Amino acid sequence: MLVLVNLMLFAQEKSTDINVDINKNNGGNWYTSPWVWVVGAAVFIILLVALVGGGRSKSTSGSGEKVTVTKTVRRDEI
């Protein structure tokens, strides 16, 4: 019985050829590079400032002047 179990265990054994290949800075994923994150953050901040600053410049006149219109009605007496 033990010989039969031993034969079954050896039949399950596979070759253990392990190949670990780590390519650092050589054909890796583009999003793992730190400069990609820095450039992306800079573009995001520039777009955010442009959108927020553009909305603010339209709502304020900037000159500080106030225009007042006065109407005078005169009727001719006949």
C-alpha atoms as a PDB file:
ATOM      1  CA  MET A   1       0.000   0.000   0.000  1.00  0.00           C
ATOM      2  CA  LEU A   2       2.847   2.426   0.843  1.00  0.00           C
ATOM      3  CA  VAL A   3       4.577   1.684  -2.457  1.00  0.00           C
ATOM      4  CA  LEU A   4       1.389   2.558  -4.342  1.00  0.00           C
ATOM      5  CA  VAL A   5       1.018   5.860  -2.466  1.00  0.00           C
ATOM      6  CA  ASN A   6       4.682   6.626  -3.084  1.00  0.00           C
ATOM      7  CA  LEU A   7       4.275   6.036  -6.838  1.00  0.00           C
ATOM      8  CA  MET A   8       1.238   8.348  -6.920  1.00  0.00           C
ATOM      9  CA  LEU A   9       3.179  11.100  -5.162  1.00  0.00           C
ATOM     10  CA  PHE A  10       6.095  10.883  -7.580  1.00  0.00           C
ATOM     11  CA  ALA A  11       3.680  10.976 -10.512  1.00  0.00           C
ATOM     12  CA  GLN A  12       2.408  14.376  -9.307  1.00  0.00           C
ATOM     13  CA  GLU A  13       5.831  15.965  -9.075  1.00  0.00           C
ATOM     14  CA  LYS A  14       6.635  18.625 -11.670  1.00  0.00           C
ATOM     15  CA  SER A  15       9.860  20.194 -12.737  1.00  0.00           C
ATOM     16  CA  THR A  16      10.682  23.196 -10.552  1.00  0.00           C
ATOM     17  CA  ASP A  17      12.245  25.606 -13.021  1.00  0.00           C
ATOM     18  CA  ILE A  18      11.617  29.079 -11.578  1.00  0.00           C
ATOM     19  CA  ASN A  19      12.516  32.065 -13.703  1.00  0.00           C
ATOM     20  CA  VAL A  20      12.111  35.440 -12.004  1.00  0.00           C
ATOM     21  CA  ASP A  21      12.824  38.277 -14.403  1.00  0.00           C
ATOM     22  CA  ILE A  22      12.533  41.817 -13.071  1.00  0.00           C
ATOM     23  CA  ASN A  23      13.128  44.516 -15.646  1.00  0.00           C
ATOM     24  CA  LYS A  24      13.981  47.689 -13.790  1.00  0.00           C
ATOM     25  CA  ASN A  25      13.999  50.785 -16.022  1.00  0.00           C
ATOM     26  CA  ASN A  26      13.981  48.575 -19.058  1.00  0.00           C
ATOM     27  CA  GLY A  27      10.635  48.095 -20.744  1.00  0.00           C
ATOM     28  CA  GLY A  28       8.582  48.333 -17.557  1.00  0.00           C
ATOM     29  CA  ASN A  29       5.153  49.840 -17.202  1.00  0.00           C
ATOM     30  CA  TRP A  30       4.993  53.561 -18.037  1.00  0.00           C
ATOM     31  CA  TYR A  31       2.887  54.455 -14.999  1.00  0.00           C
ATOM     32  CA  THR A  32       5.500  53.179 -12.556  1.00  0.00           C
ATOM     33  CA  SER A  33       7.951  55.948 -13.467  1.00  0.00           C
ATOM     34  CA  PRO A  34       7.976  58.841 -10.980  1.00  0.00           C
ATOM     35  CA  TRP A  35       8.369  61.513 -13.677  1.00  0.00           C
ATOM     36  CA  VAL A  36       5.023  60.481 -15.202  1.00  0.00           C
ATOM     37  CA  TRP A  37       3.270  61.214 -11.893  1.00  0.00           C
ATOM     38  CA  VAL A  38       5.066  64.563 -11.514  1.00  0.00           C
ATOM     39  CA  VAL A  39       4.130  65.702 -15.025  1.00  0.00           C
ATOM     40  CA  GLY A  40       0.552  64.503 -14.569  1.00  0.00           C
ATOM     41  CA  ALA A  41       0.192  66.375 -11.273  1.00  0.00           C
ATOM     42  CA  ALA A  42       1.630  69.559 -12.820  1.00  0.00           C
ATOM     43  CA  VAL A  43      -0.821  69.414 -15.741  1.00  0.00           C
ATOM     44  CA  PHE A  44      -3.709  68.795 -13.348  1.00  0.00           C
ATOM     45  CA  ILE A  45      -2.760  71.783 -11.174  1.00  0.00           C
ATOM     46  CA  ILE A  46      -2.387  74.065 -14.215  1.00  0.00           C
ATOM     47  CA  LEU A  47      -5.816  73.029 -15.526  1.00  0.00           C
ATOM     48  CA  LEU A  48      -7.382  73.491 -12.107  1.00  0.00           C
ATOM     49  CA  VAL A  49      -5.923  76.993 -11.722  1.00  0.00           C
ATOM     50  CA  ALA A  50      -7.016  77.937 -15.251  1.00  0.00           C
ATOM     51  CA  LEU A  51     -10.583  76.775 -14.662  1.00  0.00           C
ATOM     52  CA  VAL A  52     -10.959  78.401 -11.244  1.00  0.00           C
ATOM     53  CA  GLY A  53      -9.142  81.606 -12.261  1.00  0.00           C
ATOM     54  CA  GLY A  54     -11.129  81.912 -15.498  1.00  0.00           C
ATOM     55  CA  GLY A  55     -14.447  81.831 -13.651  1.00  0.00           C
ATOM     56  CA  ARG A  56     -13.279  84.449 -11.156  1.00  0.00           C
ATOM     57  CA  SER A  57     -12.109  86.949 -13.799  1.00  0.00           C
ATOM     58  CA  LYS A  58     -15.520  87.007 -15.496  1.00  0.00           C
ATOM     59  CA  SER A  59     -17.476  87.786 -12.324  1.00  0.00           C
ATOM     60  CA  THR A  60     -15.441  90.841 -11.219  1.00  0.00           C
ATOM     61  CA  SER A  61     -14.909  93.997 -13.253  1.00  0.00           C
ATOM     62  CA  GLY A  62     -11.503  94.826 -11.820  1.00  0.00           C
ATOM     63  CA  SER A  63     -11.774  98.621 -12.342  1.00  0.00           C
ATOM     64  CA  GLY A  64     -13.764  99.346  -9.179  1.00  0.00           C
ATOM     65  CA  GLU A  65     -15.990 101.906 -10.959  1.00  0.00           C
ATOM     66  CA  LYS A  66     -19.740 102.086 -10.480  1.00  0.00           C
ATOM     67  CA  VAL A  67     -22.089 103.422 -13.160  1.00  0.00           C
ATOM     68  CA  THR A  68     -25.264 105.229 -12.085  1.00  0.00           C
ATOM     69  CA  VAL A  69     -27.963 106.230 -14.583  1.00  0.00           C
ATOM     70  CA  THR A  70     -30.399 109.041 -13.722  1.00  0.00           C
ATOM     71  CA  LYS A  71     -33.486 109.711 -15.839  1.00  0.00           C
ATOM     72  CA  THR A  72     -35.380 113.006 -15.793  1.00  0.00           C
ATOM     73  CA  VAL A  73     -38.872 113.232 -17.254  1.00  0.00           C
ATOM     74  CA  ARG A  74     -40.170 116.659 -18.377  1.00  0.00           C
ATOM     75  CA  ARG A  75     -43.647 117.238 -19.686  1.00  0.00           C
ATOM     76  CA  ASP A  76     -44.590 120.102 -21.854  1.00  0.00           C
ATOM     77  CA  GLU A  77     -47.608 121.990 -20.652  1.00  0.00           C
ATOM     78  CA  ILE A  78     -49.998 122.980 -23.378  1.00  0.00           C
END
